[in-house]
Amino acid sequence: MKPKLMLSSAIYLTLYLIGGTLYYVLAAGDMGERFPIFAALYALFVAIHAGIVLVAVLCQWWGYFGNRRGPVFVSVLLCIVAGIELALLVYPMVGMLVAVVLGLIATRQPKTAR
């Protein structure tokens, strides 16, 4: 395992959770007056997305501190689900793609010399 990549992946995903959730909540508040039904649906999808990403963040940190690959891999799968959940928006897909790539690289087995 690669602890530095696991740490960077966990930090990135934590920052994504904080910044992304704030961004999406503020965006929903701006459209609430003109499109209340759309804003409510948008807020619901953002809440679901944030919940999934929160569990992914917890799994990332668990994998990092426990030096285990399993929780990081579960985090990668949750990032895929969270990215698909908001597939109509571009930014979550890009953010989840980066998290998936970092998580997969961090969980690779080191090559052994023969």
C-alpha atoms as a PDB file:
ATOM      1  CA  MET A   1       0.000   0.000   0.000  1.00  0.00           C
ATOM      2  CA  LYS A   2       1.001   3.577  -0.497  1.00  0.00           C
ATOM      3  CA  PRO A   3       0.335   5.599   2.672  1.00  0.00           C
ATOM      4  CA  LYS A   4       1.114   8.979   1.112  1.00  0.00           C
ATOM      5  CA  LEU A   5      -1.437   8.420  -1.649  1.00  0.00           C
ATOM      6  CA  MET A   6      -3.968   7.108   0.848  1.00  0.00           C
ATOM      7  CA  LEU A   7      -3.476  10.258   2.920  1.00  0.00           C
ATOM      8  CA  SER A   8      -3.750  12.553  -0.093  1.00  0.00           C
ATOM      9  CA  SER A   9      -6.874  10.717  -1.236  1.00  0.00           C
ATOM     10  CA  ALA A  10      -8.454  11.044   2.217  1.00  0.00           C
ATOM     11  CA  ILE A  11      -7.596  14.743   2.435  1.00  0.00           C
ATOM     12  CA  TYR A  12      -8.893  15.392  -1.078  1.00  0.00           C
ATOM     13  CA  LEU A  13     -12.154  13.581  -0.410  1.00  0.00           C
ATOM     14  CA  THR A  14     -12.606  15.442   2.891  1.00  0.00           C
ATOM     15  CA  LEU A  15     -12.067  18.789   1.161  1.00  0.00           C
ATOM     16  CA  TYR A  16     -14.467  17.733  -1.590  1.00  0.00           C
ATOM     17  CA  LEU A  17     -17.117  16.881   0.992  1.00  0.00           C
ATOM     18  CA  ILE A  18     -16.809  20.227   2.767  1.00  0.00           C
ATOM     19  CA  GLY A  19     -16.399  22.463  -0.276  1.00  0.00           C
ATOM     20  CA  GLY A  20     -18.767  20.589  -2.554  1.00  0.00           C
ATOM     21  CA  THR A  21     -21.561  20.438  -0.015  1.00  0.00           C
ATOM     22  CA  LEU A  22     -21.269  24.151   0.716  1.00  0.00           C
ATOM     23  CA  TYR A  23     -21.226  24.948  -2.993  1.00  0.00           C
ATOM     24  CA  TYR A  24     -24.292  22.858  -3.780  1.00  0.00           C
ATOM     25  CA  VAL A  25     -26.273  24.077  -0.777  1.00  0.00           C
ATOM     26  CA  LEU A  26     -25.586  27.692  -1.694  1.00  0.00           C
ATOM     27  CA  ALA A  27     -26.568  26.996  -5.308  1.00  0.00           C
ATOM     28  CA  ALA A  28     -29.861  25.470  -4.156  1.00  0.00           C
ATOM     29  CA  GLY A  29     -30.557  28.531  -2.004  1.00  0.00           C
ATOM     30  CA  ASP A  30     -30.113  30.894  -4.951  1.00  0.00           C
ATOM     31  CA  MET A  31     -32.696  29.119  -7.086  1.00  0.00           C
ATOM     32  CA  GLY A  32     -35.165  28.490  -4.263  1.00  0.00           C
ATOM     33  CA  GLU A  33     -37.260  31.581  -4.848  1.00  0.00           C
ATOM     34  CA  ARG A  34     -37.755  31.154  -8.580  1.00  0.00           C
ATOM     35  CA  PHE A  35     -37.921  27.355  -8.825  1.00  0.00           C
ATOM     36  CA  PRO A  36     -38.998  25.957  -5.436  1.00  0.00           C
ATOM     37  CA  ILE A  37     -39.790  22.424  -6.630  1.00  0.00           C
ATOM     38  CA  PHE A  38     -36.535  22.093  -8.540  1.00  0.00           C
ATOM     39  CA  ALA A  39     -34.622  23.537  -5.585  1.00  0.00           C
ATOM     40  CA  ALA A  40     -36.202  20.981  -3.240  1.00  0.00           C
ATOM     41  CA  LEU A  41     -35.313  18.075  -5.565  1.00  0.00           C
ATOM     42  CA  TYR A  42     -31.830  19.471  -6.033  1.00  0.00           C
ATOM     43  CA  ALA A  43     -31.359  19.768  -2.265  1.00  0.00           C
ATOM     44  CA  LEU A  44     -32.561  16.178  -1.830  1.00  0.00           C
ATOM     45  CA  PHE A  45     -30.048  14.859  -4.368  1.00  0.00           C
ATOM     46  CA  VAL A  46     -27.261  16.934  -2.821  1.00  0.00           C
ATOM     47  CA  ALA A  47     -28.133  15.584   0.638  1.00  0.00           C
ATOM     48  CA  ILE A  48     -28.007  12.002  -0.634  1.00  0.00           C
ATOM     49  CA  HIS A  49     -24.736  12.722  -2.446  1.00  0.00           C
ATOM     50  CA  ALA A  50     -23.220  14.319   0.665  1.00  0.00           C
ATOM     51  CA  GLY A  51     -24.312  11.360   2.813  1.00  0.00           C
ATOM     52  CA  ILE A  52     -22.684   8.858   0.479  1.00  0.00           C
ATOM     53  CA  VAL A  53     -19.508  10.940   0.280  1.00  0.00           C
ATOM     54  CA  LEU A  54     -19.460  11.263   4.086  1.00  0.00           C
ATOM     55  CA  VAL A  55     -19.444   7.473   4.437  1.00  0.00           C
ATOM     56  CA  ALA A  56     -16.714   7.326   1.763  1.00  0.00           C
ATOM     57  CA  VAL A  57     -14.633   9.864   3.714  1.00  0.00           C
ATOM     58  CA  LEU A  58     -14.998   7.827   6.897  1.00  0.00           C
ATOM     59  CA  CYS A  59     -13.917   4.686   5.034  1.00  0.00           C
ATOM     60  CA  GLN A  60     -10.925   6.527   3.559  1.00  0.00           C
ATOM     61  CA  TRP A  61      -9.702   7.654   6.972  1.00  0.00           C
ATOM     62  CA  TRP A  62     -10.389   4.229   8.475  1.00  0.00           C
ATOM     63  CA  GLY A  63      -8.306   2.652   5.715  1.00  0.00           C
ATOM     64  CA  TYR A  64      -5.517   5.156   6.186  1.00  0.00           C
ATOM     65  CA  PHE A  65      -5.276   4.939   9.981  1.00  0.00           C
ATOM     66  CA  GLY A  66      -5.819   1.187  10.029  1.00  0.00           C
ATOM     67  CA  ASN A  67      -3.411   0.670   7.131  1.00  0.00           C
ATOM     68  CA  ARG A  68      -6.037  -1.450   5.385  1.00  0.00           C
ATOM     69  CA  ARG A  69      -6.988  -1.638   1.732  1.00  0.00           C
ATOM     70  CA  GLY A  70     -10.548  -2.897   2.201  1.00  0.00           C
ATOM     71  CA  PRO A  71     -12.109   0.302   3.556  1.00  0.00           C
ATOM     72  CA  VAL A  72     -10.341   2.380   0.892  1.00  0.00           C
ATOM     73  CA  PHE A  73     -11.735   0.111  -1.806  1.00  0.00           C
ATOM     74  CA  VAL A  74     -15.232   0.466  -0.300  1.00  0.00           C
ATOM     75  CA  SER A  75     -14.662   4.226  -0.367  1.00  0.00           C
ATOM     76  CA  VAL A  76     -13.820   4.024  -4.067  1.00  0.00           C
ATOM     77  CA  LEU A  77     -17.044   2.132  -4.736  1.00  0.00           C
ATOM     78  CA  LEU A  78     -19.029   4.703  -2.752  1.00  0.00           C
ATOM     79  CA  CYS A  79     -17.398   7.498  -4.768  1.00  0.00           C
ATOM     80  CA  ILE A  80     -18.545   5.782  -7.957  1.00  0.00           C
ATOM     81  CA  VAL A  81     -22.090   5.535  -6.608  1.00  0.00           C
ATOM     82  CA  ALA A  82     -22.022   9.184  -5.470  1.00  0.00           C
ATOM     83  CA  GLY A  83     -20.749  10.305  -8.868  1.00  0.00           C
ATOM     84  CA  ILE A  84     -23.444   8.357 -10.695  1.00  0.00           C
ATOM     85  CA  GLU A  85     -26.096   9.733  -8.339  1.00  0.00           C
ATOM     86  CA  LEU A  86     -25.403  13.238  -9.602  1.00  0.00           C
ATOM     87  CA  ALA A  87     -24.478  12.241 -13.158  1.00  0.00           C
ATOM     88  CA  LEU A  88     -26.324  15.188 -14.702  1.00  0.00           C
ATOM     89  CA  LEU A  89     -23.946  17.628 -13.036  1.00  0.00           C
ATOM     90  CA  VAL A  90     -20.391  17.839 -14.338  1.00  0.00           C
ATOM     91  CA  TYR A  91     -18.451  18.813 -11.211  1.00  0.00           C
ATOM     92  CA  PRO A  92     -19.341  15.847  -8.972  1.00  0.00           C
ATOM     93  CA  MET A  93     -18.329  13.444 -11.735  1.00  0.00           C
ATOM     94  CA  VAL A  94     -14.918  15.091 -12.078  1.00  0.00           C
ATOM     95  CA  GLY A  95     -14.437  15.157  -8.308  1.00  0.00           C
ATOM     96  CA  MET A  96     -15.433  11.531  -7.893  1.00  0.00           C
ATOM     97  CA  LEU A  97     -13.222  10.494 -10.810  1.00  0.00           C
ATOM     98  CA  VAL A  98     -10.190  12.018  -9.094  1.00  0.00           C
ATOM     99  CA  ALA A  99     -11.141  10.308  -5.804  1.00  0.00           C
ATOM    100  CA  VAL A 100     -11.587   6.957  -7.563  1.00  0.00           C
ATOM    101  CA  VAL A 101      -8.236   7.166  -9.333  1.00  0.00           C
ATOM    102  CA  LEU A 102      -6.388   8.187  -6.157  1.00  0.00           C
ATOM    103  CA  GLY A 103      -8.067   5.421  -4.170  1.00  0.00           C
ATOM    104  CA  LEU A 104      -7.327   2.742  -6.744  1.00  0.00           C
ATOM    105  CA  ILE A 105      -3.683   3.774  -7.037  1.00  0.00           C
ATOM    106  CA  ALA A 106      -3.341   3.813  -3.237  1.00  0.00           C
ATOM    107  CA  THR A 107      -4.679   0.268  -2.877  1.00  0.00           C
ATOM    108  CA  ARG A 108      -2.498  -1.387  -5.533  1.00  0.00           C
ATOM    109  CA  GLN A 109      -0.216  -4.138  -4.391  1.00  0.00           C
ATOM    110  CA  PRO A 110       3.470  -3.221  -4.615  1.00  0.00           C
ATOM    111  CA  LYS A 111       5.367  -5.090  -7.295  1.00  0.00           C
ATOM    112  CA  THR A 112       7.833  -7.596  -5.947  1.00  0.00           C
ATOM    113  CA  ALA A 113      11.214  -8.089  -7.562  1.00  0.00           C
ATOM    114  CA  ARG A 114      11.973 -11.566  -8.825  1.00  0.00           C
END
